[in-house]
Protein backbone atom coordinates (compact mmCIF):
# COMPACT_ATOMS: atom_id res chain seq x y z
CA MET A 1 168.20 -143.60 158.07
CA SER A 2 170.91 -141.06 157.20
CA ILE A 3 173.28 -139.47 159.71
CA THR A 4 171.53 -136.12 159.15
CA ASP A 5 168.14 -137.67 160.05
CA LYS A 6 169.58 -139.22 163.21
CA ILE A 7 171.07 -135.90 164.30
CA LYS A 8 167.77 -134.08 163.67
CA GLN A 9 165.88 -136.58 165.84
CA HIS A 10 168.29 -136.31 168.80
CA PRO A 11 168.01 -132.87 170.49
CA GLY A 12 171.45 -133.01 172.11
CA LEU A 13 173.22 -133.99 168.90
CA LYS A 14 171.25 -131.39 166.97
CA GLN A 15 172.36 -128.62 169.34
CA LEU A 16 175.99 -129.77 169.11
CA ALA A 17 175.87 -129.93 165.32
CA LEU A 18 174.39 -126.43 165.08
CA TYR A 19 177.08 -125.08 167.44
CA LEU A 20 179.81 -126.60 165.27
CA LEU A 21 178.25 -125.25 162.07
CA MET A 22 177.47 -121.67 163.13
CA PRO A 23 177.87 -119.36 166.15
CA LYS A 24 174.91 -119.05 168.50
CA ASN A 25 172.26 -116.53 167.39
CA GLN A 26 173.96 -116.11 164.01
CA ALA A 27 172.84 -117.12 160.52
CA ARG A 28 176.27 -117.12 158.86
CA PRO A 29 178.11 -120.47 158.97
CA ARG A 30 181.53 -120.77 160.54
CA LYS A 31 184.52 -120.17 158.29
CA TRP A 32 185.54 -123.84 158.21
CA VAL A 33 182.08 -124.74 156.88
CA GLN A 34 182.35 -122.09 154.15
CA LEU A 35 185.84 -123.23 153.12
CA PHE A 36 185.82 -127.01 153.52
CA ILE A 37 182.23 -128.29 153.35
CA ASN A 38 180.06 -126.01 151.22
CA PRO A 39 182.23 -126.13 148.07
CA PHE A 40 181.87 -129.93 148.01
CA LYS A 41 178.30 -130.20 149.29
CA HIS A 42 176.51 -127.61 147.15
CA LYS A 43 176.24 -127.67 143.37
CA LYS A 44 177.20 -124.87 141.00
CA GLY A 45 176.45 -125.38 137.32
CA LYS A 46 178.78 -124.74 134.42
CA GLY A 47 179.33 -121.04 133.79
CA SER A 48 177.52 -119.96 136.98
CA LEU A 49 178.83 -117.06 139.06
CA ILE A 50 178.46 -115.90 142.67
CA ARG A 51 179.83 -112.38 143.03
CA ARG A 52 182.46 -111.70 145.69
CA ARG A 53 180.26 -109.42 147.81
CA THR A 54 177.40 -111.90 148.02
CA ARG A 55 176.56 -113.19 151.51
CA MET A 56 176.15 -116.97 151.33
CA ASP A 57 174.57 -118.18 154.58
CA VAL A 58 174.32 -121.76 153.31
CA LEU A 59 174.67 -124.79 155.54
CA PRO A 60 175.32 -128.42 154.60
CA PHE A 61 172.12 -129.92 156.05
CA ASN A 62 169.88 -128.26 153.43
CA THR A 63 170.28 -128.05 149.66
CA PHE A 64 171.70 -125.13 147.73
CA THR A 65 172.09 -125.38 143.94
CA LEU A 66 172.87 -122.77 141.31
CA GLY A 67 172.11 -123.73 137.72
CA ARG A 68 174.19 -123.38 134.57
CA TYR A 69 175.10 -119.85 133.48
CA SER A 70 173.21 -118.29 136.39
CA THR A 71 174.48 -115.35 138.44
CA ILE A 72 174.00 -114.10 141.99
CA GLU A 73 174.97 -110.44 142.04
CA ASP A 74 176.80 -108.41 144.72
CA PHE A 75 175.18 -107.64 148.08
CA ALA A 76 172.62 -110.43 147.73
CA THR A 77 172.01 -112.80 150.66
CA VAL A 78 171.18 -116.49 150.30
CA ASN A 79 170.09 -118.47 153.37
CA ASN A 80 169.12 -122.15 153.32
CA GLY A 81 168.96 -122.63 157.09
CA MET A 82 165.18 -123.27 157.09
CA GLY A 83 164.88 -124.89 153.67
CA ALA A 84 166.49 -125.56 150.32
CA VAL A 85 167.38 -122.79 147.88
CA ILE A 86 167.33 -124.09 144.30
CA ILE A 87 168.08 -121.79 141.37
CA GLY A 88 167.71 -122.92 137.76
CA ASP A 89 169.69 -122.26 134.58
CA HIS A 90 170.28 -118.85 132.92
CA THR A 91 168.77 -117.02 135.91
CA ARG A 92 169.88 -113.66 137.31
CA ILE A 93 169.58 -112.91 141.04
CA GLY A 94 169.95 -109.14 141.19
CA ILE A 95 171.91 -106.77 143.42
CA GLY A 96 170.73 -106.73 147.03
CA ASN A 97 168.25 -109.62 146.73
CA VAL A 98 167.44 -111.74 149.81
CA LEU A 99 166.55 -115.42 149.31
CA ILE A 100 165.53 -117.30 152.46
CA GLY A 101 164.58 -120.91 151.83
CA PRO A 102 162.61 -122.88 151.06
CA VAL A 103 162.78 -121.19 147.65
CA ARG A 104 162.79 -122.78 144.19
CA ILE A 105 163.49 -120.56 141.17
CA GLY A 106 163.22 -121.86 137.62
CA ASN A 107 165.13 -121.25 134.40
CA ASN A 108 165.51 -117.91 132.58
CA VAL A 109 164.22 -115.91 135.55
CA ILE A 110 165.13 -112.24 136.08
CA LEU A 111 165.10 -110.86 139.63
CA ALA A 112 165.81 -107.12 139.62
CA GLN A 113 167.25 -105.26 142.64
CA ASN A 114 166.43 -105.39 146.36
CA ILE A 115 163.84 -108.17 146.16
CA VAL A 116 162.96 -110.32 149.18
CA LEU A 117 161.79 -113.93 148.83
CA SER A 118 161.34 -115.38 152.32
CA GLY A 119 159.98 -118.88 152.71
CA LEU A 120 159.72 -118.56 156.49
CA ASN A 121 157.49 -116.76 158.97
CA HIS A 122 158.31 -116.08 162.61
CA GLY A 123 155.80 -117.33 165.16
CA TYR A 124 154.18 -114.66 167.32
CA THR A 125 151.03 -116.22 168.84
CA ASP A 126 152.32 -116.55 172.45
CA PRO A 127 152.45 -113.01 173.88
CA ASP A 128 154.53 -114.20 176.85
CA VAL A 129 157.43 -115.39 174.67
CA PRO A 130 159.65 -113.09 172.58
CA ILE A 131 158.94 -113.52 168.87
CA SER A 132 162.61 -114.38 168.29
CA LEU A 133 162.21 -117.46 170.54
CA GLN A 134 158.99 -118.79 169.01
CA PRO A 135 159.00 -121.54 166.37
CA CYS A 136 159.14 -120.56 162.70
CA SER A 137 156.84 -121.92 160.02
CA VAL A 138 157.90 -122.41 156.41
CA GLY A 139 156.18 -122.46 153.03
CA GLU A 140 158.11 -123.00 149.81
CA ILE A 141 158.21 -120.10 147.35
CA VAL A 142 158.22 -121.23 143.72
CA VAL A 143 159.11 -118.94 140.81
CA GLU A 144 158.48 -120.84 137.60
CA ASP A 145 160.44 -120.48 134.34
CA ASP A 146 160.73 -117.22 132.38
CA CYS A 147 159.46 -114.84 135.09
CA TRP A 148 160.53 -111.25 135.71
CA ILE A 149 160.23 -109.76 139.20
CA GLY A 150 160.64 -105.99 139.48
CA ALA A 151 162.81 -104.10 141.95
CA ASN A 152 161.85 -103.77 145.64
CA SER A 153 159.22 -106.51 145.50
CA VAL A 154 158.43 -108.90 148.35
CA ILE A 155 157.29 -112.48 147.79
CA THR A 156 155.84 -114.10 150.91
CA ALA A 157 156.06 -117.71 152.11
CA GLY A 158 154.10 -120.34 150.22
CA VAL A 159 153.52 -118.27 147.06
CA THR A 160 153.94 -119.64 143.52
CA ILE A 161 154.65 -117.27 140.63
CA GLY A 162 153.41 -118.97 137.46
CA ARG A 163 155.40 -119.37 134.27
CA HIS A 164 156.23 -116.25 132.20
CA SER A 165 154.61 -113.91 134.72
CA VAL A 166 155.69 -110.41 135.71
CA VAL A 167 155.67 -108.84 139.17
CA ALA A 168 155.75 -105.04 138.94
CA GLY A 169 158.33 -103.15 140.98
CA GLY A 170 157.42 -102.52 144.62
CA SER A 171 154.74 -105.21 144.75
CA VAL A 172 153.99 -107.37 147.80
CA VAL A 173 152.86 -110.78 146.60
CA THR A 174 150.80 -112.71 149.15
CA LYS A 175 148.84 -115.01 146.81
CA ASN A 176 149.71 -117.31 143.92
CA VAL A 177 150.16 -115.67 140.52
CA PRO A 178 148.71 -117.59 137.54
CA PRO A 179 150.95 -118.24 134.53
CA TYR A 180 151.22 -115.46 131.91
CA THR A 181 149.96 -112.77 134.28
CA VAL A 182 151.20 -109.32 135.30
CA VAL A 183 150.57 -108.36 138.95
CA ALA A 184 151.14 -105.07 140.76
CA GLY A 185 150.43 -103.37 144.09
CA ASN A 186 150.33 -104.08 147.81
CA PRO A 187 148.86 -106.62 148.04
CA ALA A 188 149.62 -107.53 144.43
CA ARG A 189 146.65 -108.04 142.10
CA PRO A 190 146.47 -109.14 138.46
CA ILE A 191 146.41 -106.22 136.00
CA ARG A 192 147.15 -107.97 132.69
CA GLN A 193 146.99 -111.51 131.35
CA TYR A 194 148.00 -113.14 128.09
CA ARG A 195 145.09 -114.38 125.97
CA PRO A 196 146.13 -117.18 123.59
CA SER A 197 142.97 -116.63 121.53
CA THR A 198 144.04 -113.10 120.56
CA GLY A 199 147.80 -113.34 121.09
CA THR A 200 147.75 -110.18 123.22
CA TRP A 201 148.27 -109.13 126.84
CA GLU A 202 144.91 -107.73 127.93
CA LYS A 203 143.95 -105.62 130.95
CA ILE A 204 141.96 -107.40 133.63
């Protein structure tokens, strides 16, 4: 059993570890974590780039990786507090994007501007407890290789976007998207799909 597993199983140690890693009621890690732990714990591939104005709320107890020749643009936020954030090779995370793990993004993916991918949901079922104090649930978001997600889209927890698919700008994706499919709307629905038999993208 690893030290991390032992800490997670002991409530007192877990609370102490969280206090040392980040201020209470905050998502951003303490400065010493950003400077002295994250650069050694988390992997950045050759030629990758995180812009200076990106907010990196990454902590050492969950994975963060950025693949080769991938970029996270200014004003984006990356948070791995509830689950891993894994980004593949040659992928562009656009200006103002929000990635809240668990999120796994493949290779050659384009995320335009102001997109939200949140792998967590806040609990709300107990009306006598503030939502902020109720347990969160998580569901990994997967964006497979070669996808393009348009500006101002929202991808909800547990959704998989299939290979070489397109999400039109402003869409809210609440269900899995098959490979080679274009979806649009709120909630997003398929509007085109690639047909290998004809070699064309046909309306659905």
